[in-house]
């Protein structure tokens, strides 16, 4: 195994489900989807039938609002933020992002993840100081999540909220051949 030219660790904030709340979270999301579908269907029906929405009875509207508030409260009670240490390793030919366990919003437990970003596959790289993230536009990259390995293309992102004082654009340009632009 090659030794990295430069390695550092940052704390990346990740939204995840609280222990024992996975079923409640999925139920609340489904409830909000149903409420949204009923509201959209009702508005379409009112437009087609020529009915003024203000003339509809208050009881069903209040019931839908109560269900939406209950679903949103259930989601709020089921989600927490956790700081995950992410190790950035700069090699001569690639950048790797690795963590020991990345919790998920939809599953309890955490499995280790490694993302390999070959420099020759990077189309562009930009840092957004307003959104506090680095975005890599990729032709292809590899993600190893637990036992599974997947080839992906598109964007790979790194949240920099855990290290707001660090200049990630300068760090990436110093330790890799990539040029980083800034976007808001």
C-alpha atoms as a PDB file:
ATOM      1  CA  UNK A   1       0.000   0.000   0.000  1.00  0.00           C
ATOM      2  CA  UNK A   2       1.280   3.433  -0.916  1.00  0.00           C
ATOM      3  CA  UNK A   3       1.998   5.998   1.755  1.00  0.00           C
ATOM      4  CA  UNK A   4       0.147   9.297   1.408  1.00  0.00           C
ATOM      5  CA  UNK A   5       2.096  12.470   0.650  1.00  0.00           C
ATOM      6  CA  UNK A   6      -0.090  14.436   3.077  1.00  0.00           C
ATOM      7  CA  UNK A   7      -2.853  13.373   5.474  1.00  0.00           C
ATOM      8  CA  UNK A   8      -5.234  15.336   7.654  1.00  0.00           C
ATOM      9  CA  UNK A   9      -8.471  14.651   9.542  1.00  0.00           C
ATOM     10  CA  UNK A  10     -11.508  16.922   9.762  1.00  0.00           C
ATOM     11  CA  UNK A  11     -14.854  16.562  11.530  1.00  0.00           C
ATOM     12  CA  UNK A  12     -17.681  16.369   8.982  1.00  0.00           C
ATOM     13  CA  UNK A  13     -21.246  16.916  10.290  1.00  0.00           C
ATOM     14  CA  UNK A  14     -23.679  14.222   9.111  1.00  0.00           C
ATOM     15  CA  UNK A  15     -27.449  14.012   9.623  1.00  0.00           C
ATOM     16  CA  UNK A  16     -28.460  10.582  10.919  1.00  0.00           C
ATOM     17  CA  UNK A  17     -31.365   8.816  12.555  1.00  0.00           C
ATOM     18  CA  UNK A  18     -31.537   8.480  16.329  1.00  0.00           C
ATOM     19  CA  UNK A  19     -31.289   4.911  17.637  1.00  0.00           C
ATOM     20  CA  UNK A  20     -34.664   3.144  17.592  1.00  0.00           C
ATOM     21  CA  UNK A  21     -36.345   5.829  15.458  1.00  0.00           C
ATOM     22  CA  UNK A  22     -35.846   4.459  11.933  1.00  0.00           C
ATOM     23  CA  UNK A  23     -39.410   3.151  11.569  1.00  0.00           C
ATOM     24  CA  UNK A  24     -40.888   6.416  12.917  1.00  0.00           C
ATOM     25  CA  UNK A  25     -38.785   8.466  10.494  1.00  0.00           C
ATOM     26  CA  UNK A  26     -39.877   6.382   7.494  1.00  0.00           C
ATOM     27  CA  UNK A  27     -43.529   6.524   8.616  1.00  0.00           C
ATOM     28  CA  UNK A  28     -43.434  10.321   9.017  1.00  0.00           C
ATOM     29  CA  UNK A  29     -41.836  10.820   5.594  1.00  0.00           C
ATOM     30  CA  UNK A  30     -44.516   8.604   4.036  1.00  0.00           C
ATOM     31  CA  UNK A  31     -47.219  10.557   5.901  1.00  0.00           C
ATOM     32  CA  UNK A  32     -45.904  13.875   4.573  1.00  0.00           C
ATOM     33  CA  UNK A  33     -45.808  12.449   1.035  1.00  0.00           C
ATOM     34  CA  UNK A  34     -49.444  11.346   1.308  1.00  0.00           C
ATOM     35  CA  UNK A  35     -50.522  14.725   2.736  1.00  0.00           C
ATOM     36  CA  UNK A  36     -48.677  16.515  -0.073  1.00  0.00           C
ATOM     37  CA  UNK A  37     -50.292  14.287  -2.715  1.00  0.00           C
ATOM     38  CA  UNK A  38     -53.763  14.907  -1.241  1.00  0.00           C
ATOM     39  CA  UNK A  39     -53.196  18.679  -1.192  1.00  0.00           C
ATOM     40  CA  UNK A  40     -51.945  18.737  -4.791  1.00  0.00           C
ATOM     41  CA  UNK A  41     -54.799  16.489  -5.954  1.00  0.00           C
ATOM     42  CA  UNK A  42     -57.303  18.722  -4.139  1.00  0.00           C
ATOM     43  CA  UNK A  43     -55.907  21.864  -5.751  1.00  0.00           C
ATOM     44  CA  UNK A  44     -55.997  20.255  -9.193  1.00  0.00           C
ATOM     45  CA  UNK A  45     -59.558  19.041  -8.608  1.00  0.00           C
ATOM     46  CA  UNK A  46     -60.605  22.532  -7.452  1.00  0.00           C
ATOM     47  CA  UNK A  47     -59.055  24.128 -10.559  1.00  0.00           C
ATOM     48  CA  UNK A  48     -60.694  21.625 -12.938  1.00  0.00           C
ATOM     49  CA  UNK A  49     -64.082  21.733 -11.207  1.00  0.00           C
ATOM     50  CA  UNK A  50     -64.006  25.528 -10.983  1.00  0.00           C
ATOM     51  CA  UNK A  51     -64.387  25.486  -7.191  1.00  0.00           C
ATOM     52  CA  UNK A  52     -62.880  28.297  -5.139  1.00  0.00           C
ATOM     53  CA  UNK A  53     -60.478  26.809  -2.589  1.00  0.00           C
ATOM     54  CA  UNK A  54     -61.717  29.312   0.021  1.00  0.00           C
ATOM     55  CA  UNK A  55     -65.185  27.721  -0.214  1.00  0.00           C
ATOM     56  CA  UNK A  56     -63.927  24.270   0.840  1.00  0.00           C
ATOM     57  CA  UNK A  57     -64.798  23.211   4.411  1.00  0.00           C
ATOM     58  CA  UNK A  58     -62.279  23.945   7.158  1.00  0.00           C
ATOM     59  CA  UNK A  59     -62.318  20.527   8.849  1.00  0.00           C
ATOM     60  CA  UNK A  60     -60.438  18.620   6.100  1.00  0.00           C
ATOM     61  CA  UNK A  61     -57.945  21.450   5.706  1.00  0.00           C
ATOM     62  CA  UNK A  62     -57.264  21.505   9.442  1.00  0.00           C
ATOM     63  CA  UNK A  63     -56.936  17.712   9.524  1.00  0.00           C
ATOM     64  CA  UNK A  64     -54.348  17.825   6.714  1.00  0.00           C
ATOM     65  CA  UNK A  65     -52.468  20.622   8.481  1.00  0.00           C
ATOM     66  CA  UNK A  66     -52.464  18.622  11.742  1.00  0.00           C
ATOM     67  CA  UNK A  67     -51.139  15.530   9.937  1.00  0.00           C
ATOM     68  CA  UNK A  68     -48.421  17.610   8.258  1.00  0.00           C
ATOM     69  CA  UNK A  69     -47.372  19.139  11.599  1.00  0.00           C
ATOM     70  CA  UNK A  70     -47.334  15.703  13.273  1.00  0.00           C
ATOM     71  CA  UNK A  71     -45.212  14.278  10.449  1.00  0.00           C
ATOM     72  CA  UNK A  72     -42.763  17.173  10.576  1.00  0.00           C
ATOM     73  CA  UNK A  73     -42.499  16.888  14.381  1.00  0.00           C
ATOM     74  CA  UNK A  74     -41.826  13.139  14.059  1.00  0.00           C
ATOM     75  CA  UNK A  75     -39.040  13.785  11.566  1.00  0.00           C
ATOM     76  CA  UNK A  76     -37.565  16.523  13.758  1.00  0.00           C
ATOM     77  CA  UNK A  77     -37.577  14.178  16.781  1.00  0.00           C
ATOM     78  CA  UNK A  78     -35.954  11.336  14.790  1.00  0.00           C
ATOM     79  CA  UNK A  79     -32.964  13.137  13.276  1.00  0.00           C
ATOM     80  CA  UNK A  80     -29.730  14.201  14.938  1.00  0.00           C
ATOM     81  CA  UNK A  81     -26.397  15.560  13.763  1.00  0.00           C
ATOM     82  CA  UNK A  82     -23.225  13.619  14.381  1.00  0.00           C
ATOM     83  CA  UNK A  83     -19.639  14.665  13.717  1.00  0.00           C
ATOM     84  CA  UNK A  84     -17.744  12.032  11.744  1.00  0.00           C
ATOM     85  CA  UNK A  85     -13.940  12.175  11.507  1.00  0.00           C
ATOM     86  CA  UNK A  86     -12.972  12.087   7.823  1.00  0.00           C
ATOM     87  CA  UNK A  87      -9.372  11.410   6.852  1.00  0.00           C
ATOM     88  CA  UNK A  88      -8.173  13.204   3.715  1.00  0.00           C
ATOM     89  CA  UNK A  89      -5.141  11.532   2.146  1.00  0.00           C
ATOM     90  CA  UNK A  90      -3.352  13.171  -0.766  1.00  0.00           C
ATOM     91  CA  UNK A  91      -1.382  10.784  -2.996  1.00  0.00           C
ATOM     92  CA  UNK A  92       0.509  11.531  -6.213  1.00  0.00           C
ATOM     93  CA  UNK A  93      -2.369  10.243  -8.368  1.00  0.00           C
ATOM     94  CA  UNK A  94      -5.495  10.520  -6.201  1.00  0.00           C
ATOM     95  CA  UNK A  95      -7.259  11.974  -3.168  1.00  0.00           C
ATOM     96  CA  UNK A  96      -9.010   9.612  -0.760  1.00  0.00           C
ATOM     97  CA  UNK A  97     -11.687  10.480   1.791  1.00  0.00           C
ATOM     98  CA  UNK A  98     -12.069   7.781   4.447  1.00  0.00           C
ATOM     99  CA  UNK A  99     -14.063   7.390   7.646  1.00  0.00           C
ATOM    100  CA  UNK A 100     -14.460   4.530  10.112  1.00  0.00           C
ATOM    101  CA  UNK A 101     -18.236   4.672  10.226  1.00  0.00           C
ATOM    102  CA  UNK A 102     -20.666   6.968   8.488  1.00  0.00           C
ATOM    103  CA  UNK A 103     -24.173   6.922   9.959  1.00  0.00           C
ATOM    104  CA  UNK A 104     -27.130   7.072   7.615  1.00  0.00           C
ATOM    105  CA  UNK A 105     -30.436   8.877   7.711  1.00  0.00           C
ATOM    106  CA  UNK A 106     -32.362   5.728   6.745  1.00  0.00           C
ATOM    107  CA  UNK A 107     -30.487   2.942   8.571  1.00  0.00           C
ATOM    108  CA  UNK A 108     -29.150   2.536  12.079  1.00  0.00           C
ATOM    109  CA  UNK A 109     -25.520   1.633  12.439  1.00  0.00           C
ATOM    110  CA  UNK A 110     -22.528   2.866  10.521  1.00  0.00           C
ATOM    111  CA  UNK A 111     -20.276   1.195   8.007  1.00  0.00           C
ATOM    112  CA  UNK A 112     -16.849   2.462   6.972  1.00  0.00           C
ATOM    113  CA  UNK A 113     -16.595   4.397   3.708  1.00  0.00           C
ATOM    114  CA  UNK A 114     -13.690   5.233   1.412  1.00  0.00           C
ATOM    115  CA  UNK A 115     -13.975   7.494  -1.622  1.00  0.00           C
ATOM    116  CA  UNK A 116     -11.098   7.470  -4.120  1.00  0.00           C
ATOM    117  CA  UNK A 117     -10.918  10.493  -6.424  1.00  0.00           C
ATOM    118  CA  UNK A 118      -8.258  10.026  -9.142  1.00  0.00           C
ATOM    119  CA  UNK A 119      -6.881  13.397 -10.236  1.00  0.00           C
ATOM    120  CA  UNK A 120      -7.062  12.471 -13.932  1.00  0.00           C
ATOM    121  CA  UNK A 121     -10.840  11.873 -13.577  1.00  0.00           C
ATOM    122  CA  UNK A 122     -11.605  15.325 -12.092  1.00  0.00           C
ATOM    123  CA  UNK A 123     -13.372  17.586 -14.603  1.00  0.00           C
ATOM    124  CA  UNK A 124     -13.491  20.552 -12.225  1.00  0.00           C
ATOM    125  CA  UNK A 125     -13.221  21.342  -8.552  1.00  0.00           C
ATOM    126  CA  UNK A 126     -14.755  24.272  -6.717  1.00  0.00           C
ATOM    127  CA  UNK A 127     -15.110  25.490  -3.162  1.00  0.00           C
ATOM    128  CA  UNK A 128     -18.285  27.199  -2.017  1.00  0.00           C
ATOM    129  CA  UNK A 129     -17.587  29.370   1.055  1.00  0.00           C
ATOM    130  CA  UNK A 130     -21.283  30.132   1.495  1.00  0.00           C
ATOM    131  CA  UNK A 131     -22.327  26.464   1.482  1.00  0.00           C
ATOM    132  CA  UNK A 132     -19.094  25.355   3.182  1.00  0.00           C
ATOM    133  CA  UNK A 133     -18.305  22.457   0.875  1.00  0.00           C
ATOM    134  CA  UNK A 134     -15.836  21.343  -1.762  1.00  0.00           C
ATOM    135  CA  UNK A 135     -17.402  19.863  -4.902  1.00  0.00           C
ATOM    136  CA  UNK A 136     -15.508  17.632  -7.318  1.00  0.00           C
ATOM    137  CA  UNK A 137     -17.073  17.179 -10.793  1.00  0.00           C
ATOM    138  CA  UNK A 138     -15.895  13.662 -11.698  1.00  0.00           C
ATOM    139  CA  UNK A 139     -15.796  11.510 -14.832  1.00  0.00           C
ATOM    140  CA  UNK A 140     -15.530   8.484 -12.541  1.00  0.00           C
ATOM    141  CA  UNK A 141     -14.531   7.571  -9.016  1.00  0.00           C
ATOM    142  CA  UNK A 142     -14.704   4.618  -6.621  1.00  0.00           C
ATOM    143  CA  UNK A 143     -16.730   4.353  -3.419  1.00  0.00           C
ATOM    144  CA  UNK A 144     -16.114   1.475  -1.010  1.00  0.00           C
ATOM    145  CA  UNK A 145     -18.941   1.322   1.553  1.00  0.00           C
ATOM    146  CA  UNK A 146     -18.487  -1.547   3.983  1.00  0.00           C
ATOM    147  CA  UNK A 147     -18.227  -4.641   1.772  1.00  0.00           C
ATOM    148  CA  UNK A 148     -19.593  -3.028  -1.420  1.00  0.00           C
ATOM    149  CA  UNK A 149     -17.506  -1.319  -4.088  1.00  0.00           C
ATOM    150  CA  UNK A 150     -19.220   0.953  -6.605  1.00  0.00           C
ATOM    151  CA  UNK A 151     -17.971   2.928  -9.570  1.00  0.00           C
ATOM    152  CA  UNK A 152     -19.696   6.290  -9.799  1.00  0.00           C
ATOM    153  CA  UNK A 153     -19.588   9.429 -11.881  1.00  0.00           C
ATOM    154  CA  UNK A 154     -20.959  12.920 -11.290  1.00  0.00           C
ATOM    155  CA  UNK A 155     -20.159  14.907  -8.178  1.00  0.00           C
ATOM    156  CA  UNK A 156     -18.352  14.037  -4.990  1.00  0.00           C
ATOM    157  CA  UNK A 157     -18.703  16.477  -2.093  1.00  0.00           C
ATOM    158  CA  UNK A 158     -16.857  17.195   1.115  1.00  0.00           C
ATOM    159  CA  UNK A 159     -18.549  19.284   3.796  1.00  0.00           C
ATOM    160  CA  UNK A 160     -16.154  21.750   5.412  1.00  0.00           C
ATOM    161  CA  UNK A 161     -18.502  22.881   8.194  1.00  0.00           C
ATOM    162  CA  UNK A 162     -16.337  21.075  10.747  1.00  0.00           C
ATOM    163  CA  UNK A 163     -13.298  23.235   9.891  1.00  0.00           C
ATOM    164  CA  UNK A 164     -14.609  26.702   8.962  1.00  0.00           C
ATOM    165  CA  UNK A 165     -11.268  28.470   9.458  1.00  0.00           C
ATOM    166  CA  UNK A 166      -9.286  26.222   7.103  1.00  0.00           C
ATOM    167  CA  UNK A 167      -8.612  27.328   3.515  1.00  0.00           C
ATOM    168  CA  UNK A 168      -9.521  24.142   1.641  1.00  0.00           C
ATOM    169  CA  UNK A 169      -8.894  25.663  -1.783  1.00  0.00           C
ATOM    170  CA  UNK A 170      -5.273  26.426  -0.869  1.00  0.00           C
ATOM    171  CA  UNK A 171      -4.871  23.026   0.819  1.00  0.00           C
ATOM    172  CA  UNK A 172      -6.074  21.105  -2.257  1.00  0.00           C
ATOM    173  CA  UNK A 173      -3.986  23.210  -4.645  1.00  0.00           C
ATOM    174  CA  UNK A 174      -0.875  22.763  -2.484  1.00  0.00           C
ATOM    175  CA  UNK A 175      -1.074  18.968  -2.152  1.00  0.00           C
ATOM    176  CA  UNK A 176      -2.569  17.991  -5.530  1.00  0.00           C
ATOM    177  CA  UNK A 177      -2.373  19.065  -9.179  1.00  0.00           C
ATOM    178  CA  UNK A 178      -5.989  20.284  -9.024  1.00  0.00           C
ATOM    179  CA  UNK A 179      -6.977  23.920  -9.469  1.00  0.00           C
ATOM    180  CA  UNK A 180      -9.849  25.025  -7.248  1.00  0.00           C
ATOM    181  CA  UNK A 181     -12.245  27.795  -8.217  1.00  0.00           C
ATOM    182  CA  UNK A 182     -14.649  29.528  -5.842  1.00  0.00           C
ATOM    183  CA  UNK A 183     -18.407  29.702  -6.292  1.00  0.00           C
ATOM    184  CA  UNK A 184     -21.148  30.815  -3.962  1.00  0.00           C
END
